């Protein structure tokens, strides 16, 4: 649907401008307006990312878990796992974070996200 794509692109443009609080609000509104959108997985990813930057770590965990359940083969899964692991550390969930980061390294060993996860895991030990 044309308006759906336009609204998603507008939310992403806000994120790309670095207006992360406004982007989080925009993506949350998009998800409410288009609950069964094909853009839903991407909107969840970007909402989780904006929330992480805004230090809303609990919501980051919720959005990225929903993203991973909804779209386990999405091109941004590795980055989502890294952000999720970092958010889990921020919300005092070290066991969950360790598992998330280990899963990232196992599933996507040759990515930048996996390299960052390995560094983070080394600091956890």
PDB file of N, CA and C in Angstrom:
ATOM      1  N   UNK A   1       0.846  -1.190   0.000  1.00  0.00           N
ATOM      2  CA  UNK A   1       0.000   0.000   0.000  1.00  0.00           C
ATOM      3  C   UNK A   1       0.886   1.246   0.000  1.00  0.00           C
ATOM      4  N   UNK A   2       0.495   2.214  -0.827  1.00  0.00           N
ATOM      5  CA  UNK A   2       1.325   3.406  -1.034  1.00  0.00           C
ATOM      6  C   UNK A   2       1.522   4.230   0.247  1.00  0.00           C
ATOM      7  N   UNK A   3       0.449   4.484   0.995  1.00  0.00           N
ATOM      8  CA  UNK A   3       0.570   5.295   2.209  1.00  0.00           C
ATOM      9  C   UNK A   3       1.407   4.575   3.269  1.00  0.00           C
ATOM     10  N   UNK A   4       1.308   3.261   3.286  1.00  0.00           N
ATOM     11  CA  UNK A   4       2.091   2.460   4.235  1.00  0.00           C
ATOM     12  C   UNK A   4       3.589   2.626   3.963  1.00  0.00           C
ATOM     13  N   UNK A   5       3.986   2.492   2.704  1.00  0.00           N
ATOM     14  CA  UNK A   5       5.398   2.651   2.332  1.00  0.00           C
ATOM     15  C   UNK A   5       5.861   4.072   2.628  1.00  0.00           C
ATOM     16  N   UNK A   6       5.014   5.038   2.307  1.00  0.00           N
ATOM     17  CA  UNK A   6       5.361   6.443   2.551  1.00  0.00           C
ATOM     18  C   UNK A   6       5.583   6.689   4.049  1.00  0.00           C
ATOM     19  N   UNK A   7       4.699   6.148   4.880  1.00  0.00           N
ATOM     20  CA  UNK A   7       4.830   6.331   6.329  1.00  0.00           C
ATOM     21  C   UNK A   7       6.079   5.637   6.870  1.00  0.00           C
ATOM     22  N   UNK A   8       6.372   4.432   6.369  1.00  0.00           N
ATOM     23  CA  UNK A   8       7.578   3.727   6.804  1.00  0.00           C
ATOM     24  C   UNK A   8       8.822   4.521   6.405  1.00  0.00           C
ATOM     25  N   UNK A   9       8.859   4.960   5.144  1.00  0.00           N
ATOM     26  CA  UNK A   9      10.014   5.730   4.656  1.00  0.00           C
ATOM     27  C   UNK A   9      10.195   7.024   5.446  1.00  0.00           C
ATOM     28  N   UNK A  10       9.087   7.650   5.824  1.00  0.00           N
ATOM     29  CA  UNK A  10       9.162   8.889   6.614  1.00  0.00           C
ATOM     30  C   UNK A  10       9.775   8.603   7.987  1.00  0.00           C
ATOM     31  N   UNK A  11       9.369   7.495   8.615  1.00  0.00           N
ATOM     32  CA  UNK A  11       9.936   7.124   9.922  1.00  0.00           C
ATOM     33  C   UNK A  11      11.429   6.845   9.801  1.00  0.00           C
ATOM     34  N   UNK A  12      11.811   6.132   8.748  1.00  0.00           N
ATOM     35  CA  UNK A  12      13.221   5.808   8.542  1.00  0.00           C
ATOM     36  C   UNK A  12      14.042   7.074   8.271  1.00  0.00           C
ATOM     37  N   UNK A  13      13.477   8.014   7.555  1.00  0.00           N
ATOM     38  CA  UNK A  13      14.163   9.277   7.284  1.00  0.00           C
ATOM     39  C   UNK A  13      14.427  10.042   8.589  1.00  0.00           C
ATOM     40  N   UNK A  14      13.479  10.011   9.504  1.00  0.00           N
ATOM     41  CA  UNK A  14      13.658  10.661  10.815  1.00  0.00           C
ATOM     42  C   UNK A  14      14.817   9.996  11.555  1.00  0.00           C
ATOM     43  N   UNK A  15      14.852   8.660  11.535  1.00  0.00           N
ATOM     44  CA  UNK A  15      15.949   7.922  12.179  1.00  0.00           C
ATOM     45  C   UNK A  15      17.284   8.326  11.570  1.00  0.00           C
ATOM     46  N   UNK A  16      17.323   8.341  10.251  1.00  0.00           N
ATOM     47  CA  UNK A  16      18.585   8.643   9.556  1.00  0.00           C
ATOM     48  C   UNK A  16      19.063  10.071   9.782  1.00  0.00           C
ATOM     49  N   UNK A  17      18.151  10.958  10.137  1.00  0.00           N
ATOM     50  CA  UNK A  17      18.540  12.339  10.466  1.00  0.00           C
ATOM     51  C   UNK A  17      19.124  12.420  11.874  1.00  0.00           C
ATOM     52  N   UNK A  18      19.035  11.313  12.616  1.00  0.00           N
ATOM     53  CA  UNK A  18      19.579  11.312  13.973  1.00  0.00           C
ATOM     54  C   UNK A  18      18.603  11.791  15.020  1.00  0.00           C
ATOM     55  N   UNK A  19      17.347  11.896  14.652  1.00  0.00           N
ATOM     56  CA  UNK A  19      16.315  12.324  15.600  1.00  0.00           C
ATOM     57  C   UNK A  19      15.665  11.068  16.194  1.00  0.00           C
ATOM     58  N   UNK A  20      16.393  10.452  17.127  1.00  0.00           N
ATOM     59  CA  UNK A  20      16.026   9.115  17.572  1.00  0.00           C
ATOM     60  C   UNK A  20      14.768   9.069  18.434  1.00  0.00           C
ATOM     61  N   UNK A  21      14.527  10.064  19.252  1.00  0.00           N
ATOM     62  CA  UNK A  21      13.288  10.084  20.041  1.00  0.00           C
ATOM     63  C   UNK A  21      12.088  10.217  19.107  1.00  0.00           C
ATOM     64  N   UNK A  22      12.197  11.099  18.132  1.00  0.00           N
ATOM     65  CA  UNK A  22      11.110  11.278  17.160  1.00  0.00           C
ATOM     66  C   UNK A  22      10.948  10.023  16.302  1.00  0.00           C
ATOM     67  N   UNK A  23      12.056   9.379  15.966  1.00  0.00           N
ATOM     68  CA  UNK A  23      11.990   8.148  15.169  1.00  0.00           C
ATOM     69  C   UNK A  23      11.275   7.046  15.949  1.00  0.00           C
ATOM     70  N   UNK A  24      11.585   6.927  17.240  1.00  0.00           N
ATOM     71  CA  UNK A  24      10.923   5.909  18.067  1.00  0.00           C
ATOM     72  C   UNK A  24       9.418   6.162  18.100  1.00  0.00           C
ATOM     73  N   UNK A  25       9.031   7.400  18.279  1.00  0.00           N
ATOM     74  CA  UNK A  25       7.612   7.750  18.289  1.00  0.00           C
ATOM     75  C   UNK A  25       6.974   7.442  16.942  1.00  0.00           C
ATOM     76  N   UNK A  26       7.667   7.773  15.878  1.00  0.00           N
ATOM     77  CA  UNK A  26       7.154   7.553  14.529  1.00  0.00           C
ATOM     78  C   UNK A  26       6.993   6.065  14.219  1.00  0.00           C
ATOM     79  N   UNK A  27       8.009   5.264  14.551  1.00  0.00           N
ATOM     80  CA  UNK A  27       7.908   3.822  14.292  1.00  0.00           C
ATOM     81  C   UNK A  27       6.830   3.171  15.165  1.00  0.00           C
ATOM     82  N   UNK A  28       6.703   3.609  16.417  1.00  0.00           N
ATOM     83  CA  UNK A  28       5.651   3.062  17.284  1.00  0.00           C
ATOM     84  C   UNK A  28       4.275   3.386  16.699  1.00  0.00           C
ATOM     85  N   UNK A  29       4.124   4.599  16.196  1.00  0.00           N
ATOM     86  CA  UNK A  29       2.870   4.985  15.556  1.00  0.00           C
ATOM     87  C   UNK A  29       2.609   4.170  14.295  1.00  0.00           C
ATOM     88  N   UNK A  30       3.650   3.934  13.526  1.00  0.00           N
ATOM     89  CA  UNK A  30       3.526   3.116  12.318  1.00  0.00           C
ATOM     90  C   UNK A  30       3.025   1.719  12.678  1.00  0.00           C
ATOM     91  N   UNK A  31       3.605   1.126  13.704  1.00  0.00           N
ATOM     92  CA  UNK A  31       3.228  -0.235  14.106  1.00  0.00           C
ATOM     93  C   UNK A  31       1.778  -0.304  14.594  1.00  0.00           C
ATOM     94  N   UNK A  32       1.326   0.753  15.242  1.00  0.00           N
ATOM     95  CA  UNK A  32      -0.090   0.801  15.671  1.00  0.00           C
ATOM     96  C   UNK A  32      -1.013   0.967  14.474  1.00  0.00           C
ATOM     97  N   UNK A  33      -0.615   1.807  13.529  1.00  0.00           N
ATOM     98  CA  UNK A  33      -1.458   2.110  12.372  1.00  0.00           C
ATOM     99  C   UNK A  33      -1.531   0.941  11.390  1.00  0.00           C
ATOM    100  N   UNK A  34      -0.415   0.218  11.255  1.00  0.00           N
ATOM    101  CA  UNK A  34      -0.331  -0.894  10.288  1.00  0.00           C
ATOM    102  C   UNK A  34       0.117  -2.179  11.005  1.00  0.00           C
ATOM    103  N   UNK A  35      -0.737  -2.752  11.838  1.00  0.00           N
ATOM    104  CA  UNK A  35      -0.307  -3.901  12.647  1.00  0.00           C
ATOM    105  C   UNK A  35       0.067  -5.145  11.840  1.00  0.00           C
ATOM    106  N   UNK A  36      -0.438  -5.277  10.626  1.00  0.00           N
ATOM    107  CA  UNK A  36      -0.101  -6.471   9.830  1.00  0.00           C
ATOM    108  C   UNK A  36       0.717  -6.112   8.592  1.00  0.00           C
ATOM    109  N   UNK A  37       1.444  -5.014   8.668  1.00  0.00           N
ATOM    110  CA  UNK A  37       2.255  -4.535   7.549  1.00  0.00           C
ATOM    111  C   UNK A  37       3.401  -5.485   7.225  1.00  0.00           C
ATOM    112  N   UNK A  38       3.734  -5.554   5.957  1.00  0.00           N
ATOM    113  CA  UNK A  38       4.932  -6.268   5.542  1.00  0.00           C
ATOM    114  C   UNK A  38       6.197  -5.580   6.036  1.00  0.00           C
ATOM    115  N   UNK A  39       6.077  -4.308   6.395  1.00  0.00           N
ATOM    116  CA  UNK A  39       7.208  -3.550   6.935  1.00  0.00           C
ATOM    117  C   UNK A  39       7.355  -3.747   8.444  1.00  0.00           C
ATOM    118  N   UNK A  40       6.449  -4.500   9.058  1.00  0.00           N
ATOM    119  CA  UNK A  40       6.463  -4.675  10.513  1.00  0.00           C
ATOM    120  C   UNK A  40       7.823  -5.129  11.049  1.00  0.00           C
ATOM    121  N   UNK A  41       8.434  -6.181  10.474  1.00  0.00           N
ATOM    122  CA  UNK A  41       9.740  -6.594  11.017  1.00  0.00           C
ATOM    123  C   UNK A  41      10.772  -5.467  10.980  1.00  0.00           C
ATOM    124  N   UNK A  42      10.850  -4.770   9.867  1.00  0.00           N
ATOM    125  CA  UNK A  42      11.820  -3.672   9.766  1.00  0.00           C
ATOM    126  C   UNK A  42      11.483  -2.549  10.738  1.00  0.00           C
ATOM    127  N   UNK A  43      10.206  -2.251  10.886  1.00  0.00           N
ATOM    128  CA  UNK A  43       9.794  -1.200  11.828  1.00  0.00           C
ATOM    129  C   UNK A  43      10.171  -1.588  13.261  1.00  0.00           C
ATOM    130  N   UNK A  44       9.989  -2.860  13.621  1.00  0.00           N
ATOM    131  CA  UNK A  44      10.390  -3.326  14.956  1.00  0.00           C
ATOM    132  C   UNK A  44      11.898  -3.196  15.148  1.00  0.00           C
ATOM    133  N   UNK A  45      12.655  -3.546  14.118  1.00  0.00           N
ATOM    134  CA  UNK A  45      14.110  -3.437  14.198  1.00  0.00           C
ATOM    135  C   UNK A  45      14.526  -1.981  14.442  1.00  0.00           C
ATOM    136  N   UNK A  46      14.007  -1.083  13.612  1.00  0.00           N
ATOM    137  CA  UNK A  46      14.399   0.326  13.734  1.00  0.00           C
ATOM    138  C   UNK A  46      13.879   0.944  15.028  1.00  0.00           C
ATOM    139  N   UNK A  47      12.701   0.533  15.479  1.00  0.00           N
ATOM    140  CA  UNK A  47      12.186   1.021  16.763  1.00  0.00           C
ATOM    141  C   UNK A  47      13.101   0.555  17.892  1.00  0.00           C
ATOM    142  N   UNK A  48      13.488  -0.714  17.864  1.00  0.00           N
ATOM    143  CA  UNK A  48      14.404  -1.224  18.883  1.00  0.00           C
ATOM    144  C   UNK A  48      15.732  -0.483  18.860  1.00  0.00           C
ATOM    145  N   UNK A  49      16.236  -0.207  17.675  1.00  0.00           N
ATOM    146  CA  UNK A  49      17.500   0.525  17.544  1.00  0.00           C
ATOM    147  C   UNK A  49      17.384   1.946  18.080  1.00  0.00           C
ATOM    148  N   UNK A  50      16.294   2.629  17.735  1.00  0.00           N
ATOM    149  CA  UNK A  50      16.075   3.994  18.229  1.00  0.00           C
ATOM    150  C   UNK A  50      15.942   3.993  19.751  1.00  0.00           C
ATOM    151  N   UNK A  51      15.226   3.019  20.274  1.00  0.00           N
ATOM    152  CA  UNK A  51      15.072   2.935  21.729  1.00  0.00           C
ATOM    153  C   UNK A  51      16.399   2.682  22.417  1.00  0.00           C
ATOM    154  N   UNK A  52      17.252   1.869  21.803  1.00  0.00           N
ATOM    155  CA  UNK A  52      18.569   1.607  22.387  1.00  0.00           C
ATOM    156  C   UNK A  52      19.370   2.910  22.469  1.00  0.00           C
ATOM    157  N   UNK A  53      19.369   3.651  21.386  1.00  0.00           N
ATOM    158  CA  UNK A  53      20.101   4.921  21.365  1.00  0.00           C
ATOM    159  C   UNK A  53      19.521   5.886  22.401  1.00  0.00           C
ATOM    160  N   UNK A  54      18.200   5.815  22.597  1.00  0.00           N
ATOM    161  CA  UNK A  54      17.528   6.665  23.587  1.00  0.00           C
ATOM    162  C   UNK A  54      17.659   6.125  25.015  1.00  0.00           C
ATOM    163  N   UNK A  55      18.385   5.030  25.175  1.00  0.00           N
ATOM    164  CA  UNK A  55      18.615   4.376  26.466  1.00  0.00           C
ATOM    165  C   UNK A  55      17.336   3.795  27.096  1.00  0.00           C
ATOM    166  N   UNK A  56      16.375   3.471  26.256  1.00  0.00           N
ATOM    167  CA  UNK A  56      15.170   2.787  26.720  1.00  0.00           C
ATOM    168  C   UNK A  56      15.418   1.297  26.493  1.00  0.00           C
ATOM    169  N   UNK A  57      16.260   0.738  27.355  1.00  0.00           N
ATOM    170  CA  UNK A  57      16.765  -0.613  27.134  1.00  0.00           C
ATOM    171  C   UNK A  57      15.696  -1.690  27.284  1.00  0.00           C
ATOM    172  N   UNK A  58      14.781  -1.508  28.205  1.00  0.00           N
ATOM    173  CA  UNK A  58      13.731  -2.506  28.387  1.00  0.00           C
ATOM    174  C   UNK A  58      12.858  -2.619  27.143  1.00  0.00           C
ATOM    175  N   UNK A  59      12.485  -1.479  26.570  1.00  0.00           N
ATOM    176  CA  UNK A  59      11.685  -1.511  25.354  1.00  0.00           C
ATOM    177  C   UNK A  59      12.500  -2.055  24.178  1.00  0.00           C
ATOM    178  N   UNK A  60      13.795  -1.762  24.169  1.00  0.00           N
ATOM    179  CA  UNK A  60      14.675  -2.315  23.140  1.00  0.00           C
ATOM    180  C   UNK A  60      14.606  -3.836  23.170  1.00  0.00           C
ATOM    181  N   UNK A  61      14.731  -4.407  24.363  1.00  0.00           N
ATOM    182  CA  UNK A  61      14.672  -5.864  24.507  1.00  0.00           C
ATOM    183  C   UNK A  61      13.346  -6.385  23.953  1.00  0.00           C
ATOM    184  N   UNK A  62      12.250  -5.753  24.331  1.00  0.00           N
ATOM    185  CA  UNK A  62      10.928  -6.210  23.877  1.00  0.00           C
ATOM    186  C   UNK A  62      10.772  -6.116  22.366  1.00  0.00           C
ATOM    187  N   UNK A  63      11.164  -4.990  21.783  1.00  0.00           N
ATOM    188  CA  UNK A  63      11.001  -4.800  20.335  1.00  0.00           C
ATOM    189  C   UNK A  63      11.881  -5.761  19.542  1.00  0.00           C
ATOM    190  N   UNK A  64      13.122  -5.932  19.975  1.00  0.00           N
ATOM    191  CA  UNK A  64      14.026  -6.793  19.210  1.00  0.00           C
ATOM    192  C   UNK A  64      13.681  -8.273  19.368  1.00  0.00           C
ATOM    193  N   UNK A  65      13.176  -8.662  20.532  1.00  0.00           N
ATOM    194  CA  UNK A  65      12.704 -10.048  20.677  1.00  0.00           C
ATOM    195  C   UNK A  65      11.531 -10.290  19.729  1.00  0.00           C
ATOM    196  N   UNK A  66      10.615  -9.334  19.650  1.00  0.00           N
ATOM    197  CA  UNK A  66       9.472  -9.458  18.734  1.00  0.00           C
ATOM    198  C   UNK A  66       9.968  -9.529  17.287  1.00  0.00           C
ATOM    199  N   UNK A  67      10.936  -8.694  16.945  1.00  0.00           N
ATOM    200  CA  UNK A  67      11.522  -8.703  15.604  1.00  0.00           C
ATOM    201  C   UNK A  67      12.099 -10.080  15.272  1.00  0.00           C
ATOM    202  N   UNK A  68      12.876 -10.648  16.196  1.00  0.00           N
ATOM    203  CA  UNK A  68      13.542 -11.927  15.943  1.00  0.00           C
ATOM    204  C   UNK A  68      12.547 -13.078  15.809  1.00  0.00           C
ATOM    205  N   UNK A  69      11.462 -13.032  16.580  1.00  0.00           N
ATOM    206  CA  UNK A  69      10.425 -14.061  16.469  1.00  0.00           C
ATOM    207  C   UNK A  69       9.700 -13.936  15.131  1.00  0.00           C
ATOM    208  N   UNK A  70       9.393 -12.709  14.765  1.00  0.00           N
ATOM    209  CA  UNK A  70       8.620 -12.447  13.553  1.00  0.00           C
ATOM    210  C   UNK A  70       9.415 -12.702  12.279  1.00  0.00           C
ATOM    211  N   UNK A  71      10.694 -12.424  12.326  1.00  0.00           N
ATOM    212  CA  UNK A  71      11.490 -12.475  11.095  1.00  0.00           C
ATOM    213  C   UNK A  71      12.904 -13.020  11.356  1.00  0.00           C
ATOM    214  N   UNK A  72      13.007 -14.326  11.677  1.00  0.00           N
ATOM    215  CA  UNK A  72      14.315 -14.889  12.038  1.00  0.00           C
ATOM    216  C   UNK A  72      15.329 -14.933  10.900  1.00  0.00           C
ATOM    217  N   UNK A  73      14.884 -14.703   9.665  1.00  0.00           N
ATOM    218  CA  UNK A  73      15.812 -14.729   8.531  1.00  0.00           C
ATOM    219  C   UNK A  73      16.040 -13.351   7.918  1.00  0.00           C
ATOM    220  N   UNK A  74      15.639 -12.311   8.612  1.00  0.00           N
ATOM    221  CA  UNK A  74      15.792 -10.934   8.138  1.00  0.00           C
ATOM    222  C   UNK A  74      17.283 -10.608   7.997  1.00  0.00           C
ATOM    223  N   UNK A  75      17.602  -9.719   7.074  1.00  0.00           N
ATOM    224  CA  UNK A  75      19.009  -9.359   6.839  1.00  0.00           C
ATOM    225  C   UNK A  75      19.663  -8.652   8.026  1.00  0.00           C
ATOM    226  N   UNK A  76      18.864  -8.147   8.955  1.00  0.00           N
ATOM    227  CA  UNK A  76      19.422  -7.415  10.096  1.00  0.00           C
ATOM    228  C   UNK A  76      19.452  -8.227  11.391  1.00  0.00           C
ATOM    229  N   UNK A  77      19.299  -9.540  11.299  1.00  0.00           N
ATOM    230  CA  UNK A  77      19.269 -10.372  12.511  1.00  0.00           C
ATOM    231  C   UNK A  77      20.574 -10.256  13.311  1.00  0.00           C
ATOM    232  N   UNK A  78      21.717 -10.292  12.651  1.00  0.00           N
ATOM    233  CA  UNK A  78      22.994 -10.218  13.380  1.00  0.00           C
ATOM    234  C   UNK A  78      23.091  -8.914  14.180  1.00  0.00           C
ATOM    235  N   UNK A  79      22.758  -7.795  13.547  1.00  0.00           N
ATOM    236  CA  UNK A  79      22.806  -6.503  14.238  1.00  0.00           C
ATOM    237  C   UNK A  79      21.782  -6.459  15.371  1.00  0.00           C
ATOM    238  N   UNK A  80      20.613  -7.050  15.136  1.00  0.00           N
ATOM    239  CA  UNK A  80      19.573  -7.074  16.165  1.00  0.00           C
ATOM    240  C   UNK A  80      20.031  -7.877  17.380  1.00  0.00           C
ATOM    241  N   UNK A  81      20.692  -9.007  17.134  1.00  0.00           N
ATOM    242  CA  UNK A  81      21.190  -9.818  18.245  1.00  0.00           C
ATOM    243  C   UNK A  81      22.240  -9.060  19.057  1.00  0.00           C
ATOM    244  N   UNK A  82      23.110  -8.336  18.378  1.00  0.00           N
ATOM    245  CA  UNK A  82      24.127  -7.554  19.086  1.00  0.00           C
ATOM    246  C   UNK A  82      23.470  -6.478  19.953  1.00  0.00           C
ATOM    247  N   UNK A  83      22.541  -5.752  19.372  1.00  0.00           N
ATOM    248  CA  UNK A  83      21.854  -4.699  20.132  1.00  0.00           C
ATOM    249  C   UNK A  83      21.053  -5.300  21.280  1.00  0.00           C
ATOM    250  N   UNK A  84      20.402  -6.425  21.022  1.00  0.00           N
ATOM    251  CA  UNK A  84      19.641  -7.101  22.078  1.00  0.00           C
ATOM    252  C   UNK A  84      20.561  -7.521  23.217  1.00  0.00           C
ATOM    253  N   UNK A  85      21.687  -8.124  22.887  1.00  0.00           N
ATOM    254  CA  UNK A  85      22.637  -8.527  23.933  1.00  0.00           C
ATOM    255  C   UNK A  85      23.119  -7.342  24.749  1.00  0.00           C
ATOM    256  N   UNK A  86      23.423  -6.251  24.087  1.00  0.00           N
ATOM    257  CA  UNK A  86      23.852  -5.040  24.798  1.00  0.00           C
ATOM    258  C   UNK A  86      22.742  -4.499  25.691  1.00  0.00           C
ATOM    259  N   UNK A  87      21.509  -4.502  25.192  1.00  0.00           N
ATOM    260  CA  UNK A  87      20.371  -4.020  25.988  1.00  0.00           C
ATOM    261  C   UNK A  87      20.128  -4.935  27.186  1.00  0.00           C
ATOM    262  N   UNK A  88      20.313  -6.246  26.991  1.00  0.00           N
ATOM    263  CA  UNK A  88      20.150  -7.174  28.106  1.00  0.00           C
ATOM    264  C   UNK A  88      21.203  -6.916  29.178  1.00  0.00           C
ATOM    265  N   UNK A  89      22.407  -6.561  28.782  1.00  0.00           N
ATOM    266  CA  UNK A  89      23.431  -6.201  29.768  1.00  0.00           C
ATOM    267  C   UNK A  89      23.019  -4.947  30.537  1.00  0.00           C
ATOM    268  N   UNK A  90      22.474  -3.969  29.811  1.00  0.00           N
ATOM    269  CA  UNK A  90      22.057  -2.712  30.441  1.00  0.00           C
ATOM    270  C   UNK A  90      20.897  -2.920  31.415  1.00  0.00           C
ATOM    271  N   UNK A  91      20.079  -3.945  31.171  1.00  0.00           N
ATOM    272  CA  UNK A  91      18.927  -4.215  32.048  1.00  0.00           C
ATOM    273  C   UNK A  91      19.252  -5.312  33.065  1.00  0.00           C
ATOM    274  N   UNK A  92      20.528  -5.522  33.299  1.00  0.00           N
ATOM    275  CA  UNK A  92      21.006  -6.466  34.321  1.00  0.00           C
ATOM    276  C   UNK A  92      20.516  -7.895  34.084  1.00  0.00           C
ATOM    277  N   UNK A  93      20.623  -8.334  32.824  1.00  0.00           N
ATOM    278  CA  UNK A  93      20.288  -9.713  32.454  1.00  0.00           C
ATOM    279  C   UNK A  93      21.530 -10.372  31.848  1.00  0.00           C
ATOM    280  N   UNK A  94      22.607 -10.525  32.637  1.00  0.00           N
ATOM    281  CA  UNK A  94      23.869 -11.009  32.061  1.00  0.00           C
ATOM    282  C   UNK A  94      23.786 -12.414  31.460  1.00  0.00           C
ATOM    283  N   UNK A  95      23.007 -13.312  32.057  1.00  0.00           N
ATOM    284  CA  UNK A  95      22.898 -14.671  31.503  1.00  0.00           C
ATOM    285  C   UNK A  95      22.221 -14.636  30.140  1.00  0.00           C
ATOM    286  N   UNK A  96      21.132 -13.859  30.020  1.00  0.00           N
ATOM    287  CA  UNK A  96      20.438 -13.730  28.743  1.00  0.00           C
ATOM    288  C   UNK A  96      21.353 -13.081  27.706  1.00  0.00           C
ATOM    289  N   UNK A  97      22.081 -12.048  28.131  1.00  0.00           N
ATOM    290  CA  UNK A  97      22.991 -11.348  27.223  1.00  0.00           C
ATOM    291  C   UNK A  97      24.067 -12.294  26.716  1.00  0.00           C
ATOM    292  N   UNK A  98      24.637 -13.086  27.619  1.00  0.00           N
ATOM    293  CA  UNK A  98      25.691 -14.025  27.224  1.00  0.00           C
ATOM    294  C   UNK A  98      25.156 -15.007  26.190  1.00  0.00           C
ATOM    295  N   UNK A  99      23.970 -15.553  26.416  1.00  0.00           N
ATOM    296  CA  UNK A  99      23.380 -16.500  25.469  1.00  0.00           C
ATOM    297  C   UNK A  99      23.103 -15.823  24.124  1.00  0.00           C
ATOM    298  N   UNK A 100      22.554 -14.620  24.162  1.00  0.00           N
ATOM    299  CA  UNK A 100      22.266 -13.891  22.922  1.00  0.00           C
ATOM    300  C   UNK A 100      23.540 -13.657  22.118  1.00  0.00           C
ATOM    301  N   UNK A 101      24.587 -13.207  22.787  1.00  0.00           N
ATOM    302  CA  UNK A 101      25.852 -12.924  22.106  1.00  0.00           C
ATOM    303  C   UNK A 101      26.519 -14.204  21.593  1.00  0.00           C
ATOM    304  N   UNK A 102      26.430 -15.277  22.387  1.00  0.00           N
ATOM    305  CA  UNK A 102      26.980 -16.565  21.927  1.00  0.00           C
ATOM    306  C   UNK A 102      26.214 -17.068  20.699  1.00  0.00           C
ATOM    307  N   UNK A 103      24.885 -16.917  20.715  1.00  0.00           N
ATOM    308  CA  UNK A 103      24.072 -17.312  19.560  1.00  0.00           C
ATOM    309  C   UNK A 103      24.471 -16.509  18.319  1.00  0.00           C
ATOM    310  N   UNK A 104      24.712 -15.218  18.512  1.00  0.00           N
ATOM    311  CA  UNK A 104      25.129 -14.353  17.410  1.00  0.00           C
ATOM    312  C   UNK A 104      26.437 -14.863  16.797  1.00  0.00           C
ATOM    313  N   UNK A 105      27.413 -15.140  17.631  1.00  0.00           N
ATOM    314  CA  UNK A 105      28.716 -15.605  17.144  1.00  0.00           C
ATOM    315  C   UNK A 105      28.566 -16.941  16.419  1.00  0.00           C
ATOM    316  N   UNK A 106      27.723 -17.827  16.955  1.00  0.00           N
ATOM    317  CA  UNK A 106      27.520 -19.143  16.345  1.00  0.00           C
ATOM    318  C   UNK A 106      26.801 -19.025  14.994  1.00  0.00           C
ATOM    319  N   UNK A 107      25.749 -18.204  14.927  1.00  0.00           N
ATOM    320  CA  UNK A 107      24.944 -18.092  13.710  1.00  0.00           C
ATOM    321  C   UNK A 107      25.586 -17.240  12.618  1.00  0.00           C
ATOM    322  N   UNK A 108      26.317 -16.211  13.019  1.00  0.00           N
ATOM    323  CA  UNK A 108      26.872 -15.247  12.051  1.00  0.00           C
ATOM    324  C   UNK A 108      28.348 -14.994  12.350  1.00  0.00           C
ATOM    325  N   UNK A 109      29.179 -16.042  12.274  1.00  0.00           N
ATOM    326  CA  UNK A 109      30.566 -15.920  12.736  1.00  0.00           C
ATOM    327  C   UNK A 109      31.427 -14.907  11.981  1.00  0.00           C
ATOM    328  N   UNK A 110      31.116 -14.651  10.727  1.00  0.00           N
ATOM    329  CA  UNK A 110      31.982 -13.785   9.920  1.00  0.00           C
ATOM    330  C   UNK A 110      31.428 -12.385   9.725  1.00  0.00           C
ATOM    331  N   UNK A 111      30.692 -11.888  10.714  1.00  0.00           N
ATOM    332  CA  UNK A 111      30.115 -10.549  10.599  1.00  0.00           C
ATOM    333  C   UNK A 111      30.790  -9.588  11.571  1.00  0.00           C
ATOM    334  N   UNK A 112      30.632  -8.312  11.280  1.00  0.00           N
ATOM    335  CA  UNK A 112      31.130  -7.291  12.217  1.00  0.00           C
ATOM    336  C   UNK A 112      30.427  -7.422  13.559  1.00  0.00           C
ATOM    337  N   UNK A 113      29.136  -7.747  13.518  1.00  0.00           N
ATOM    338  CA  UNK A 113      28.368  -7.913  14.760  1.00  0.00           C
ATOM    339  C   UNK A 113      28.971  -9.033  15.610  1.00  0.00           C
ATOM    340  N   UNK A 114      29.379 -10.127  14.980  1.00  0.00           N
ATOM    341  CA  UNK A 114      29.992 -11.235  15.724  1.00  0.00           C
ATOM    342  C   UNK A 114      31.323 -10.815  16.341  1.00  0.00           C
ATOM    343  N   UNK A 115      32.099 -10.021  15.615  1.00  0.00           N
ATOM    344  CA  UNK A 115      33.367  -9.521  16.167  1.00  0.00           C
ATOM    345  C   UNK A 115      33.115  -8.684  17.414  1.00  0.00           C
ATOM    346  N   UNK A 116      32.128  -7.813  17.337  1.00  0.00           N
ATOM    347  CA  UNK A 116      31.783  -6.984  18.497  1.00  0.00           C
ATOM    348  C   UNK A 116      31.259  -7.853  19.641  1.00  0.00           C
ATOM    349  N   UNK A 117      30.481  -8.877  19.303  1.00  0.00           N
ATOM    350  CA  UNK A 117      29.949  -9.784  20.329  1.00  0.00           C
ATOM    351  C   UNK A 117      31.076 -10.529  21.031  1.00  0.00           C
ATOM    352  N   UNK A 118      32.083 -10.959  20.267  1.00  0.00           N
ATOM    353  CA  UNK A 118      33.227 -11.665  20.869  1.00  0.00           C
ATOM    354  C   UNK A 118      33.943 -10.759  21.868  1.00  0.00           C
ATOM    355  N   UNK A 119      34.124  -9.500  21.503  1.00  0.00           N
ATOM    356  CA  UNK A 119      34.766  -8.546  22.420  1.00  0.00           C
ATOM    357  C   UNK A 119      33.938  -8.380  23.687  1.00  0.00           C
ATOM    358  N   UNK A 120      32.642  -8.263  23.515  1.00  0.00           N
ATOM    359  CA  UNK A 120      31.743  -8.081  24.665  1.00  0.00           C
ATOM    360  C   UNK A 120      31.761  -9.326  25.553  1.00  0.00           C
ATOM    361  N   UNK A 121      31.753 -10.509  24.934  1.00  0.00           N
ATOM    362  CA  UNK A 121      31.794 -11.767  25.700  1.00  0.00           C
ATOM    363  C   UNK A 121      33.103 -11.887  26.487  1.00  0.00           C
ATOM    364  N   UNK A 122      34.209 -11.474  25.899  1.00  0.00           N
ATOM    365  CA  UNK A 122      35.499 -11.550  26.590  1.00  0.00           C
ATOM    366  C   UNK A 122      35.484 -10.700  27.860  1.00  0.00           C
ATOM    367  N   UNK A 123      34.781  -9.576  27.830  1.00  0.00           N
ATOM    368  CA  UNK A 123      34.684  -8.693  28.995  1.00  0.00           C
ATOM    369  C   UNK A 123      33.743  -9.260  30.060  1.00  0.00           C
ATOM    370  N   UNK A 124      32.833 -10.143  29.649  1.00  0.00           N
ATOM    371  CA  UNK A 124      31.879 -10.733  30.601  1.00  0.00           C
ATOM    372  C   UNK A 124      32.497 -11.806  31.471  1.00  0.00           C
ATOM    373  N   UNK A 125      33.578 -12.405  31.002  1.00  0.00           N
ATOM    374  CA  UNK A 125      34.148 -13.552  31.729  1.00  0.00           C
ATOM    375  C   UNK A 125      34.959 -13.138  32.916  1.00  0.00           C
TER     376      UNK A 125
END
